[in-house]
Amino acid sequence: MKTQLLPATMKNLPYILVAALIIVSLNSCKKKPQDFTILSGSENLPLEKIVTDFAKKEDFQVKFKYEGSVDIMLELQKNSLKYDAVWPASGIWITLGDQERKVRYAQSIMTSPVVFGIKKSLAKKLGFVGRDIKVSEILKAIREKKLRFMMTSASQSNSGASAYIGFLYAFLGHPEYISSDDLDKPELKKEITDLLAGINRSSGSSAWLKDLYLKGGYDAMVNYEALMIEANQELIRNGKEPLYIIYPTDGMVIADSQLGYIDGGNIKKEDFFKKLQAHLLSEDIQHQLLLLGRRTGFAGELENAPAVVFNPDWGIDPKKILSPIKLPRADVILKALNLYQTVFRKPSLTLFCLDYSGSMMGGNIDQVKKSMEILLDQDLARTYFLQSSPNDITFVIPFAGTILDAWQVAGNNQPDMLSMLAKIRKTKTNGATDIYSPAILALEQIKMIDSVKYITAIILMTDGESNTGKKFADLEEAWKKNARDVPVFLIKFGDASDAQLAQIAELTNGAVFDGRKDLIGAFRKVKGYN
């Protein structure tokens, strides 16, 4: 900025006022930091500060958009230029999504194997401590009803997809590569369905699954080694029993955490990305990542791994060389994910409670109907790996100030699904709002079904505050009487009461999703949790 003489009008002003005007003038000359948006997996949340601190020094403001792996793939397919970089847990999602080849300079920043974490006392009882374990031994414990575990959806999240592909590889006799024909073998179906039947809670987010485990009441989960370490650190701080980490010797996948630049033709952003990537790969930052439980160096070496992080008492052997499987071709992975969703996974029992109160009239209810179309129309659902299976059960309970109706479809017959969709479209909006009565009715429906055979969830959406009918205390009593782990996932938009929804989520080990900007996206995301 050039030095300028003070205007004549300023010469008679008090010196303090002149100084203040000069400071304001100088501040106005400063450039605003340039925005830079990274489309990222949720497992990178603990690393966000490392990135944003570096960006400030470079006059950039980095924003993270956290999505599941399938959503990252879909975003890259439809409009990758909304983002400047992509950082999924595995580079396979870049390969599957980057159809226009916009992603450049993709490079692994760190690695983390996808592993089993079992409460240590249970791991000892199962005889899993201190030795190598095969997937067949885990299957045996599940079949004998000695083990149940939590895992993210293989069709929505990389940790679940990685574990699932590892299971397939083990059951197929660990070939060099899995082929498309391998997936059609009848003996594979029996083993993989029996193993997945051991899942007692699912989610679309690895980080959320870890947080759920920390709330208590669960024995085991599949997740990244790094998130197992984070969980154990918190469990130890709270005086609780840690997880013992199992590395299946015949079916393990390592997440390679590739960070890639999305080429939008902005030279300054490209230059910043290269600096950021170099910074993350620098010796100092790689050591910080090691302290955060991420493996660094060639092939995830742990030569300098601190025992307080990579704790041998938790089943971690820093000197042991991990032997991951080779991932199949992209077309085989897509076929495997479709088979997971429609054939292999544990069936879903999903109860949708849809708000038809007067405030929903217009655009709000239109979005709800469109969201349900994506879930019920199996041709559309296939796009998002959200298809129903022949063994799924789907309820829809429309409500306003009272319950308006209740519909059920068993299986995935397209005419039945579309018939239910027609009823959803015809139902009219009117009246007040009672969010508790439909949730209580959903719990009563669950009681009449052997829900242990299903991954069960109630999905309730509302745009307002419950102002008539049942109260939270009524729902609390009904949920506790049910004596089952039934989460209520809530989608809010409009003027929905944050306090009421948070109270329900806390009671039921559920979660609240914000649908105010993208209701359809929120519906898709929450369905990935069961």
Protein backbone atom coordinates (compact mmCIF):
# COMPACT_ATOMS: atom_id res chain seq x y z
CA MET A 1 0.00 0.00 0.00
CA LYS A 2 1.45 3.39 -1.02
CA THR A 3 2.09 6.05 1.62
CA GLN A 4 -0.33 8.94 1.21
CA LEU A 5 -0.40 12.45 2.68
CA LEU A 6 -3.24 13.08 5.08
CA PRO A 7 -6.12 14.95 3.47
CA ALA A 8 -6.55 18.52 4.63
CA THR A 9 -9.78 17.59 6.36
CA MET A 10 -7.85 15.23 8.65
CA LYS A 11 -5.12 17.69 9.71
CA ASN A 12 -7.28 19.27 12.39
CA LEU A 13 -8.54 15.99 13.81
CA PRO A 14 -7.20 14.73 17.18
CA TYR A 15 -4.14 12.50 16.75
CA ILE A 16 -5.89 9.52 18.41
CA LEU A 17 -8.74 9.68 15.89
CA VAL A 18 -6.30 10.01 12.99
CA ALA A 19 -4.39 6.93 14.23
CA ALA A 20 -7.62 4.97 14.48
CA LEU A 21 -8.58 5.91 10.92
CA ILE A 22 -5.16 4.84 9.63
CA ILE A 23 -5.47 1.44 11.40
CA VAL A 24 -8.91 0.90 9.86
CA SER A 25 -7.50 1.85 6.46
CA LEU A 26 -4.58 -0.58 6.82
CA ASN A 27 -6.86 -3.40 7.96
CA SER A 28 -9.09 -2.87 4.94
CA CYS A 29 -6.05 -3.48 2.71
CA LYS A 30 -5.47 -6.97 4.16
CA LYS A 31 -6.58 -9.81 1.94
CA LYS A 32 -9.14 -12.26 3.21
CA PRO A 33 -7.84 -15.83 3.48
CA GLN A 34 -8.74 -17.89 0.43
CA ASP A 35 -11.21 -20.71 1.05
CA PHE A 36 -10.11 -24.30 0.47
CA THR A 37 -12.57 -27.15 1.04
CA ILE A 38 -11.59 -30.77 1.71
CA LEU A 39 -14.09 -33.60 1.22
CA SER A 40 -13.01 -35.98 3.96
CA GLY A 41 -13.80 -39.12 5.89
CA SER A 42 -14.83 -38.65 9.54
CA GLU A 43 -11.72 -40.50 10.79
CA ASN A 44 -9.68 -37.39 9.90
CA LEU A 45 -11.47 -35.19 12.43
CA PRO A 46 -8.58 -35.37 14.99
CA LEU A 47 -6.21 -34.12 12.26
CA GLU A 48 -8.24 -31.06 11.29
CA LYS A 49 -6.31 -28.65 13.54
CA ILE A 50 -2.95 -29.71 12.05
CA VAL A 51 -4.30 -28.73 8.62
CA THR A 52 -6.03 -25.48 9.63
CA ASP A 53 -3.03 -24.23 11.62
CA PHE A 54 -0.77 -24.68 8.59
CA ALA A 55 -3.34 -23.09 6.29
CA LYS A 56 -3.48 -19.89 8.36
CA LYS A 57 0.23 -19.36 7.78
CA GLU A 58 -0.40 -19.62 4.06
CA ASP A 59 -3.40 -17.23 4.08
CA PHE A 60 -5.86 -20.03 3.40
CA GLN A 61 -8.98 -20.98 5.33
CA VAL A 62 -9.53 -24.73 5.11
CA LYS A 63 -13.00 -26.14 5.65
CA PHE A 64 -13.66 -29.86 6.06
CA LYS A 65 -16.82 -31.49 4.70
CA TYR A 66 -17.12 -34.89 6.41
CA GLU A 67 -18.93 -37.63 4.50
CA GLY A 68 -19.09 -41.40 4.39
CA SER A 69 -17.07 -43.24 1.77
CA VAL A 70 -19.98 -43.88 -0.59
CA ASP A 71 -21.04 -40.23 -0.39
CA ILE A 72 -17.45 -39.20 -1.17
CA MET A 73 -17.55 -41.46 -4.22
CA LEU A 74 -20.93 -40.03 -5.32
CA GLU A 75 -19.78 -36.44 -4.81
CA LEU A 76 -16.74 -37.06 -7.00
CA GLN A 77 -18.99 -38.58 -9.65
CA LYS A 78 -21.49 -35.74 -9.84
CA ASN A 79 -19.70 -32.47 -9.03
CA SER A 80 -16.16 -32.80 -7.75
CA LEU A 81 -15.38 -29.14 -8.42
CA LYS A 82 -17.42 -28.13 -5.35
CA TYR A 83 -14.30 -29.22 -3.45
CA ASP A 84 -10.60 -28.47 -3.70
CA ALA A 85 -9.26 -31.73 -2.28
CA VAL A 86 -10.48 -35.17 -1.28
CA TRP A 87 -9.22 -37.23 1.66
CA PRO A 88 -11.07 -40.54 2.07
CA ALA A 89 -9.91 -43.38 4.28
CA SER A 90 -8.96 -45.38 1.19
CA GLY A 91 -7.89 -44.41 -2.31
CA ILE A 92 -10.34 -46.95 -3.73
CA TRP A 93 -13.16 -44.39 -3.29
CA ILE A 94 -11.23 -41.90 -5.42
CA THR A 95 -10.81 -44.60 -8.09
CA LEU A 96 -14.52 -45.43 -8.00
CA GLY A 97 -15.71 -41.82 -7.96
CA ASP A 98 -13.27 -39.80 -10.06
CA GLN A 99 -14.71 -40.67 -13.46
CA GLU A 100 -13.57 -37.41 -15.07
CA ARG A 101 -10.03 -37.84 -13.70
CA LYS A 102 -10.01 -34.48 -11.93
CA VAL A 103 -8.09 -35.74 -8.89
CA ARG A 104 -4.32 -35.25 -9.08
CA TYR A 105 -1.30 -35.82 -6.84
CA ALA A 106 -3.14 -38.38 -4.68
CA GLN A 107 -0.73 -39.72 -2.08
CA SER A 108 -1.04 -41.73 1.13
CA ILE A 109 -0.54 -39.58 4.23
CA MET A 110 -0.73 -42.41 6.78
CA THR A 111 -2.21 -45.88 7.16
CA SER A 112 -4.41 -47.74 9.61
CA PRO A 113 -5.45 -51.41 9.47
CA VAL A 114 -9.12 -52.29 9.91
CA VAL A 115 -9.26 -54.61 12.93
CA PHE A 116 -11.50 -56.29 15.51
CA GLY A 117 -11.54 -54.78 18.99
CA ILE A 118 -12.94 -57.07 21.69
CA LYS A 119 -13.33 -56.28 25.37
CA LYS A 120 -10.16 -57.77 26.84
CA SER A 121 -11.88 -60.06 29.37
CA LEU A 122 -14.03 -61.49 26.59
CA ALA A 123 -11.03 -61.87 24.28
CA LYS A 124 -9.32 -63.92 27.01
CA LYS A 125 -12.44 -66.07 27.48
CA LEU A 126 -12.50 -66.72 23.74
CA GLY A 127 -8.82 -67.67 23.74
CA PHE A 128 -7.92 -64.83 21.37
CA VAL A 129 -5.17 -63.18 23.46
CA GLY A 130 -1.52 -63.57 22.59
CA ARG A 131 -1.83 -65.45 19.30
CA ASP A 132 -2.77 -65.06 15.63
CA ILE A 133 -6.51 -65.28 14.88
CA LYS A 134 -8.22 -66.25 11.64
CA VAL A 135 -11.61 -65.01 10.45
CA SER A 136 -12.96 -68.58 10.76
CA GLU A 137 -12.32 -68.45 14.53
CA ILE A 138 -14.29 -65.22 14.79
CA LEU A 139 -17.11 -66.85 12.82
CA LYS A 140 -17.07 -69.84 15.20
CA ALA A 141 -17.48 -67.53 18.24
CA ILE A 142 -20.40 -65.79 16.52
CA ARG A 143 -22.12 -69.05 15.60
CA GLU A 144 -21.76 -70.22 19.20
CA LYS A 145 -23.37 -66.92 20.29
CA LYS A 146 -20.29 -65.97 22.30
CA LEU A 147 -19.55 -62.81 20.32
CA ARG A 148 -21.57 -59.90 18.94
CA PHE A 149 -19.96 -56.83 17.44
CA MET A 150 -20.55 -53.36 16.05
CA MET A 151 -19.52 -52.45 12.49
CA THR A 152 -20.19 -49.60 10.09
CA SER A 153 -22.27 -50.36 7.02
CA ALA A 154 -20.10 -51.93 4.32
CA SER A 155 -22.16 -50.13 1.69
CA GLN A 156 -21.69 -46.69 3.29
CA SER A 157 -18.38 -46.55 5.20
CA ASN A 158 -14.81 -47.58 4.35
CA SER A 159 -14.09 -49.37 7.64
CA GLY A 160 -17.15 -51.59 7.16
CA ALA A 161 -16.38 -52.13 3.46
CA SER A 162 -12.75 -52.99 4.22
CA ALA A 163 -13.67 -55.50 6.94
CA TYR A 164 -16.32 -57.05 4.69
CA ILE A 165 -13.91 -57.49 1.77
CA GLY A 166 -11.40 -58.99 4.20
CA PHE A 167 -14.03 -61.49 5.38
CA LEU A 168 -14.83 -62.44 1.77
CA TYR A 169 -11.15 -62.93 1.03
CA ALA A 170 -10.72 -65.23 4.04
CA PHE A 171 -13.80 -67.34 3.30
CA LEU A 172 -12.69 -67.75 -0.34
CA GLY A 173 -9.39 -69.26 0.79
CA HIS A 174 -7.37 -66.03 0.40
CA PRO A 175 -6.84 -66.01 -3.39
CA GLU A 176 -4.44 -63.48 -4.88
CA TYR A 177 -7.45 -61.46 -6.05
CA ILE A 178 -11.22 -61.92 -5.59
CA SER A 179 -12.98 -62.38 -8.95
CA SER A 180 -16.59 -61.67 -9.87
CA ASP A 181 -17.29 -65.42 -10.14
CA ASP A 182 -15.93 -65.98 -6.62
CA LEU A 183 -18.75 -63.85 -5.21
CA ASP A 184 -21.38 -66.23 -6.62
CA LYS A 185 -20.11 -69.31 -4.78
CA PRO A 186 -22.93 -70.74 -2.60
CA GLU A 187 -20.60 -71.73 0.27
CA LEU A 188 -19.49 -68.10 0.54
CA LYS A 189 -23.06 -66.90 1.13
CA LYS A 190 -23.54 -69.18 4.16
CA GLU A 191 -20.32 -68.13 5.88
CA ILE A 192 -20.56 -64.39 5.25
CA THR A 193 -24.24 -64.17 6.25
CA ASP A 194 -23.54 -66.10 9.45
CA LEU A 195 -20.67 -63.76 10.32
CA LEU A 196 -22.63 -60.56 9.56
CA ALA A 197 -25.50 -61.90 11.68
CA GLY A 198 -23.24 -61.20 14.66
CA ILE A 199 -23.60 -57.43 14.19
CA ASN A 200 -25.69 -55.79 16.92
CA ARG A 201 -25.23 -52.11 15.97
CA SER A 202 -24.34 -50.44 12.70
CA SER A 203 -23.65 -46.90 11.52
CA GLY A 204 -22.53 -44.91 8.52
CA SER A 205 -19.59 -43.33 10.36
CA SER A 206 -16.50 -44.93 11.91
CA ALA A 207 -16.01 -42.04 14.35
CA TRP A 208 -19.66 -42.16 15.48
CA LEU A 209 -19.38 -45.93 16.02
CA LYS A 210 -16.37 -45.41 18.28
CA ASP A 211 -18.26 -42.79 20.30
CA LEU A 212 -21.22 -45.15 20.63
CA TYR A 213 -18.99 -47.91 21.98
CA LEU A 214 -17.67 -45.50 24.61
CA LYS A 215 -21.20 -44.97 25.93
CA GLY A 216 -21.06 -48.55 27.21
CA GLY A 217 -23.05 -51.72 26.90
CA TYR A 218 -21.15 -53.25 23.99
CA ASP A 219 -18.46 -55.96 23.80
CA ALA A 220 -16.72 -55.56 20.45
CA MET A 221 -16.43 -53.49 17.30
CA VAL A 222 -14.73 -53.44 13.92
CA ASN A 223 -12.92 -50.19 13.22
CA TYR A 224 -9.61 -48.60 12.32
CA GLU A 225 -6.70 -49.40 14.60
CA ALA A 226 -6.28 -45.64 15.12
CA LEU A 227 -9.86 -45.27 16.40
CA MET A 228 -9.42 -48.34 18.62
CA ILE A 229 -6.42 -46.62 20.17
CA GLU A 230 -8.45 -43.43 20.70
CA ALA A 231 -11.24 -45.48 22.30
CA ASN A 232 -8.81 -47.31 24.61
CA GLN A 233 -7.18 -44.08 25.73
CA GLU A 234 -10.57 -42.75 26.79
CA LEU A 235 -11.63 -46.04 28.36
CA ILE A 236 -8.45 -46.11 30.48
CA ARG A 237 -8.94 -42.46 31.51
CA ASN A 238 -12.43 -43.38 32.72
CA GLY A 239 -11.26 -46.46 34.57
CA LYS A 240 -12.93 -48.86 32.13
CA GLU A 241 -11.78 -52.07 30.48
CA PRO A 242 -9.91 -51.56 27.19
CA LEU A 243 -10.42 -53.33 23.89
CA TYR A 244 -8.01 -56.06 22.83
CA ILE A 245 -7.13 -55.63 19.16
CA ILE A 246 -7.32 -58.61 16.79
CA TYR A 247 -5.58 -58.51 13.39
CA PRO A 248 -7.22 -61.28 11.28
CA THR A 249 -4.27 -62.98 9.61
CA ASP A 250 -6.17 -64.18 6.55
CA GLY A 251 -8.39 -61.21 5.74
CA MET A 252 -7.15 -57.76 6.73
CA VAL A 253 -7.33 -54.50 4.76
CA ILE A 254 -5.21 -51.44 5.50
CA ALA A 255 -6.73 -47.99 4.89
CA ASP A 256 -4.18 -45.87 3.02
CA SER A 257 -5.70 -42.40 3.64
CA GLN A 258 -4.96 -40.84 0.25
CA LEU A 259 -5.11 -37.05 -0.03
CA GLY A 260 -5.67 -35.79 -3.57
CA TYR A 261 -6.07 -32.39 -5.24
CA ILE A 262 -9.21 -31.73 -7.32
CA ASP A 263 -8.04 -29.71 -10.30
CA GLY A 264 -10.28 -26.69 -10.76
CA GLY A 265 -7.74 -24.64 -12.66
CA ASN A 266 -6.75 -22.41 -9.72
CA ILE A 267 -2.93 -22.18 -9.65
CA LYS A 268 -2.81 -20.67 -6.13
CA LYS A 269 -4.92 -23.49 -4.71
CA GLU A 270 -2.81 -26.08 -6.50
CA ASP A 271 0.36 -24.55 -5.06
CA PHE A 272 -1.16 -24.47 -1.56
CA PHE A 273 -2.22 -28.12 -1.85
CA LYS A 274 1.32 -29.19 -2.73
CA LYS A 275 2.67 -27.31 0.29
CA LEU A 276 -0.01 -28.81 2.56
CA GLN A 277 0.71 -32.34 1.34
CA ALA A 278 4.45 -31.84 1.84
CA HIS A 279 3.75 -30.47 5.32
CA LEU A 280 1.68 -33.51 6.28
CA LEU A 281 4.43 -35.81 5.01
CA SER A 282 7.18 -33.91 6.84
CA GLU A 283 9.08 -35.68 9.60
CA ASP A 284 7.60 -33.50 12.35
CA ILE A 285 3.97 -33.99 11.31
CA GLN A 286 4.45 -37.68 10.63
CA HIS A 287 5.65 -38.00 14.23
CA GLN A 288 2.55 -36.13 15.42
CA LEU A 289 0.38 -38.55 13.43
CA LEU A 290 2.20 -41.44 15.07
CA LEU A 291 1.29 -40.01 18.47
CA LEU A 292 -2.33 -39.92 17.29
CA GLY A 293 -2.27 -43.66 16.59
CA ARG A 294 -1.75 -43.42 12.83
CA ARG A 295 0.90 -45.61 11.20
CA THR A 296 3.49 -43.72 9.16
CA GLY A 297 6.55 -44.43 7.08
CA PHE A 298 7.03 -47.19 4.53
CA ALA A 299 4.25 -49.80 4.74
CA GLY A 300 3.07 -48.44 8.07
CA GLU A 301 6.27 -49.16 9.95
CA LEU A 302 6.23 -48.66 13.72
CA GLU A 303 9.95 -48.61 14.53
CA ASN A 304 9.65 -45.55 16.76
CA ALA A 305 6.12 -46.19 17.96
CA PRO A 306 5.54 -45.01 21.54
CA ALA A 307 4.27 -47.88 23.69
CA VAL A 308 1.86 -45.54 25.45
CA VAL A 309 0.03 -45.21 22.10
CA PHE A 310 0.69 -48.55 20.39
CA ASN A 311 0.28 -50.43 23.65
CA PRO A 312 1.29 -54.14 23.61
CA ASP A 313 -1.23 -54.81 26.39
CA TRP A 314 -3.93 -53.94 23.86
CA GLY A 315 -2.71 -56.61 21.42
CA ILE A 316 -0.56 -54.27 19.32
CA ASP A 317 2.82 -55.65 18.25
CA PRO A 318 4.79 -52.76 16.69
CA LYS A 319 7.43 -55.14 15.31
CA LYS A 320 4.97 -57.43 13.55
CA ILE A 321 4.74 -57.02 9.79
CA LEU A 322 1.10 -56.77 8.70
CA SER A 323 0.10 -58.60 5.52
CA PRO A 324 -2.95 -56.93 3.99
CA ILE A 325 -4.96 -58.45 1.16
CA LYS A 326 -4.90 -57.05 -2.38
CA LEU A 327 -8.12 -55.21 -3.15
CA PRO A 328 -10.17 -56.52 -6.10
CA ARG A 329 -10.87 -54.60 -9.30
CA ALA A 330 -13.33 -51.71 -9.06
CA ASP A 331 -16.13 -53.65 -10.80
CA VAL A 332 -15.71 -56.56 -8.36
CA ILE A 333 -15.87 -54.18 -5.39
CA LEU A 334 -19.10 -52.65 -6.72
CA LYS A 335 -20.63 -56.11 -7.18
CA ALA A 336 -19.55 -57.07 -3.66
CA LEU A 337 -21.17 -53.94 -2.20
CA ASN A 338 -24.44 -54.63 -4.03
CA LEU A 339 -24.42 -58.22 -2.78
CA TYR A 340 -23.80 -56.99 0.75
CA GLN A 341 -26.79 -54.68 0.55
CA THR A 342 -29.24 -57.10 -1.06
CA VAL A 343 -28.10 -60.61 -0.01
CA PHE A 344 -25.38 -60.91 2.63
CA ARG A 345 -26.00 -58.28 5.31
CA LYS A 346 -28.07 -58.77 8.44
CA PRO A 347 -31.66 -57.69 7.62
CA SER A 348 -32.92 -54.24 8.61
CA LEU A 349 -36.05 -53.51 10.60
CA THR A 350 -36.68 -49.82 9.92
CA LEU A 351 -39.60 -47.79 11.25
CA PHE A 352 -40.07 -44.34 9.67
CA CYS A 353 -42.11 -41.77 11.63
CA LEU A 354 -42.99 -38.97 9.17
CA ASP A 355 -44.29 -35.57 10.24
CA TYR A 356 -47.46 -34.47 8.40
CA SER A 357 -48.36 -31.57 10.72
CA GLY A 358 -49.71 -28.33 9.23
CA SER A 359 -46.32 -26.62 9.18
CA MET A 360 -45.08 -29.28 6.76
CA MET A 361 -47.36 -28.02 3.99
CA GLY A 362 -45.56 -27.10 0.77
CA GLY A 363 -41.87 -27.64 0.14
CA ASN A 364 -41.14 -29.51 3.37
CA ILE A 365 -43.51 -32.41 2.77
CA ASP A 366 -42.44 -32.53 -0.89
CA GLN A 367 -38.86 -33.14 0.25
CA VAL A 368 -39.99 -35.89 2.63
CA LYS A 369 -41.86 -37.62 -0.20
CA LYS A 370 -38.82 -37.31 -2.47
CA SER A 371 -36.58 -38.75 0.26
CA MET A 372 -38.85 -41.74 0.75
CA GLU A 373 -38.96 -42.25 -3.02
CA ILE A 374 -35.17 -42.63 -3.04
CA LEU A 375 -35.38 -45.26 -0.31
CA LEU A 376 -38.46 -47.16 -1.53
CA ASP A 377 -37.94 -47.09 -5.29
CA GLN A 378 -35.32 -49.81 -5.57
CA ASP A 379 -33.97 -48.49 -8.87
CA LEU A 380 -33.16 -45.16 -7.21
CA ALA A 381 -31.96 -46.80 -3.98
CA ARG A 382 -29.41 -48.80 -5.96
CA THR A 383 -27.59 -45.58 -6.88
CA TYR A 384 -26.76 -45.03 -3.19
CA PHE A 385 -26.35 -48.70 -2.15
CA LEU A 386 -29.51 -48.37 -0.05
CA GLN A 387 -31.58 -51.18 -1.58
CA SER A 388 -33.76 -53.30 0.66
CA SER A 389 -33.12 -57.03 0.95
CA PRO A 390 -35.73 -59.83 0.73
CA ASN A 391 -35.61 -60.18 4.52
CA ASP A 392 -35.96 -56.50 5.47
CA ILE A 393 -39.08 -55.09 7.14
CA THR A 394 -40.09 -51.48 6.56
CA PHE A 395 -42.76 -49.60 8.54
CA VAL A 396 -44.02 -46.09 7.84
CA ILE A 397 -46.00 -44.23 10.52
CA PRO A 398 -47.33 -40.82 9.36
CA PHE A 399 -48.27 -38.49 12.20
CA ALA A 400 -49.39 -34.99 13.09
CA GLY A 401 -51.15 -34.22 16.37
CA THR A 402 -52.19 -37.90 16.30
CA ILE A 403 -51.05 -40.98 14.44
CA LEU A 404 -52.57 -40.87 10.96
CA ASP A 405 -51.92 -44.44 9.79
CA ALA A 406 -49.36 -47.27 9.75
CA TRP A 407 -48.09 -49.27 6.77
CA GLN A 408 -45.74 -52.21 6.50
CA VAL A 409 -43.79 -53.92 3.71
CA ALA A 410 -41.89 -57.16 4.21
CA GLY A 411 -39.02 -57.73 1.80
CA ASN A 412 -38.04 -55.72 -1.27
CA ASN A 413 -40.80 -56.43 -3.78
CA GLN A 414 -40.87 -53.33 -5.99
CA PRO A 415 -44.70 -53.17 -6.46
CA ASP A 416 -45.19 -53.39 -2.67
CA MET A 417 -42.61 -50.67 -2.11
CA LEU A 418 -44.20 -48.40 -4.71
CA SER A 419 -47.66 -49.03 -3.25
CA MET A 420 -46.41 -47.77 0.11
CA LEU A 421 -44.82 -44.79 -1.64
CA ALA A 422 -48.19 -43.95 -3.22
CA LYS A 423 -49.79 -43.84 0.25
CA ILE A 424 -47.01 -41.54 1.48
CA ARG A 425 -47.64 -39.20 -1.45
CA LYS A 426 -51.45 -39.12 -0.94
CA THR A 427 -51.41 -38.36 2.80
CA LYS A 428 -52.30 -34.73 3.58
CA THR A 429 -50.68 -32.33 6.03
CA ASN A 430 -52.77 -30.85 8.85
CA GLY A 431 -52.86 -30.17 12.58
CA ALA A 432 -50.42 -30.00 15.51
CA THR A 433 -47.31 -32.10 16.29
CA ASP A 434 -46.86 -35.09 18.59
CA ILE A 435 -43.46 -36.73 17.99
CA TYR A 436 -43.66 -39.12 20.96
CA SER A 437 -46.76 -41.16 20.06
CA PRO A 438 -45.37 -42.48 16.73
CA ALA A 439 -42.08 -43.46 18.39
CA ILE A 440 -44.00 -45.33 21.10
CA LEU A 441 -46.10 -47.09 18.45
CA ALA A 442 -42.88 -48.05 16.64
CA LEU A 443 -41.55 -49.63 19.85
CA GLU A 444 -44.80 -51.58 20.24
CA GLN A 445 -44.43 -52.91 16.68
CA ILE A 446 -40.86 -54.00 17.43
CA LYS A 447 -42.05 -56.00 20.44
CA MET A 448 -44.11 -58.20 18.13
CA ILE A 449 -41.08 -59.09 15.99
CA ASP A 450 -37.99 -61.14 16.87
CA SER A 451 -35.84 -58.04 16.46
CA VAL A 452 -32.61 -59.87 17.42
CA LYS A 453 -32.60 -61.12 13.83
CA TYR A 454 -32.49 -57.54 12.55
CA ILE A 455 -30.50 -54.35 12.77
CA THR A 456 -33.33 -52.25 14.14
CA ALA A 457 -33.83 -48.49 14.06
CA ILE A 458 -36.59 -45.90 14.36
CA ILE A 459 -36.12 -42.91 12.04
CA LEU A 460 -38.22 -39.91 13.09
CA MET A 461 -38.33 -36.60 11.27
CA THR A 462 -40.06 -33.37 12.27
CA ASP A 463 -40.00 -29.68 11.46
CA GLY A 464 -41.56 -28.46 14.71
CA GLU A 465 -41.85 -28.75 18.45
CA SER A 466 -44.05 -31.45 19.97
CA ASN A 467 -46.99 -29.50 21.38
CA THR A 468 -49.75 -32.04 22.02
CA GLY A 469 -50.36 -35.65 22.99
CA LYS A 470 -47.67 -37.79 24.63
CA LYS A 471 -44.66 -36.47 26.54
CA PHE A 472 -40.99 -37.46 26.72
CA ALA A 473 -41.65 -39.33 29.99
CA ASP A 474 -44.09 -41.60 28.12
CA LEU A 475 -41.47 -42.43 25.50
CA GLU A 476 -38.81 -42.99 28.15
CA GLU A 477 -41.05 -45.47 29.98
CA ALA A 478 -41.89 -47.31 26.75
CA TRP A 479 -38.24 -47.49 25.64
CA LYS A 480 -37.06 -48.85 28.99
CA LYS A 481 -39.88 -51.41 29.09
CA ASN A 482 -38.90 -52.57 25.62
CA ALA A 483 -35.51 -53.56 27.11
CA ARG A 484 -33.87 -53.67 23.68
CA ASP A 485 -31.15 -51.55 22.12
CA VAL A 486 -33.38 -49.66 19.69
CA PRO A 487 -31.88 -46.35 18.55
CA VAL A 488 -34.05 -43.46 17.44
CA PHE A 489 -32.38 -41.42 14.71
CA LEU A 490 -33.92 -37.99 14.30
CA ILE A 491 -33.93 -35.68 11.28
CA LYS A 492 -34.64 -32.07 12.05
CA PHE A 493 -35.56 -29.18 9.79
CA GLY A 494 -37.68 -26.05 10.01
CA ASP A 495 -38.19 -25.04 13.63
CA ALA A 496 -37.73 -28.49 15.17
CA SER A 497 -36.88 -28.37 18.88
CA ASP A 498 -33.18 -29.14 19.34
CA ALA A 499 -33.75 -29.87 23.03
CA GLN A 500 -36.53 -32.42 22.43
CA LEU A 501 -34.63 -34.24 19.70
CA ALA A 502 -31.36 -34.33 21.65
CA GLN A 503 -33.21 -35.77 24.66
CA ILE A 504 -34.59 -38.64 22.55
CA ALA A 505 -31.20 -39.34 20.94
CA GLU A 506 -29.48 -39.44 24.33
CA LEU A 507 -32.07 -41.83 25.78
CA THR A 508 -31.89 -44.29 22.88
CA ASN A 509 -28.20 -44.11 21.85
CA GLY A 510 -29.34 -42.51 18.61
CA ALA A 511 -28.29 -39.33 16.83
CA VAL A 512 -29.74 -36.11 15.43
CA PHE A 513 -29.20 -35.26 11.75
CA ASP A 514 -29.68 -31.76 10.37
CA GLY A 515 -31.88 -31.82 7.28
CA ARG A 516 -32.42 -28.07 6.99
CA LYS A 517 -29.99 -27.64 4.10
CA ASP A 518 -30.33 -31.09 2.52
CA LEU A 519 -33.24 -33.15 3.79
CA ILE A 520 -32.83 -35.80 1.10
CA GLY A 521 -29.15 -36.16 1.97
CA ALA A 522 -30.00 -36.46 5.67
CA PHE A 523 -32.52 -39.23 4.93
CA ARG A 524 -29.92 -41.14 2.92
CA LYS A 525 -27.28 -40.69 5.58
CA VAL A 526 -29.45 -41.85 8.48
CA LYS A 527 -30.65 -44.92 6.54
CA GLY A 528 -27.01 -45.94 6.28
CA TYR A 529 -27.03 -46.37 10.07
CA ASN A 530 -29.13 -49.55 9.86
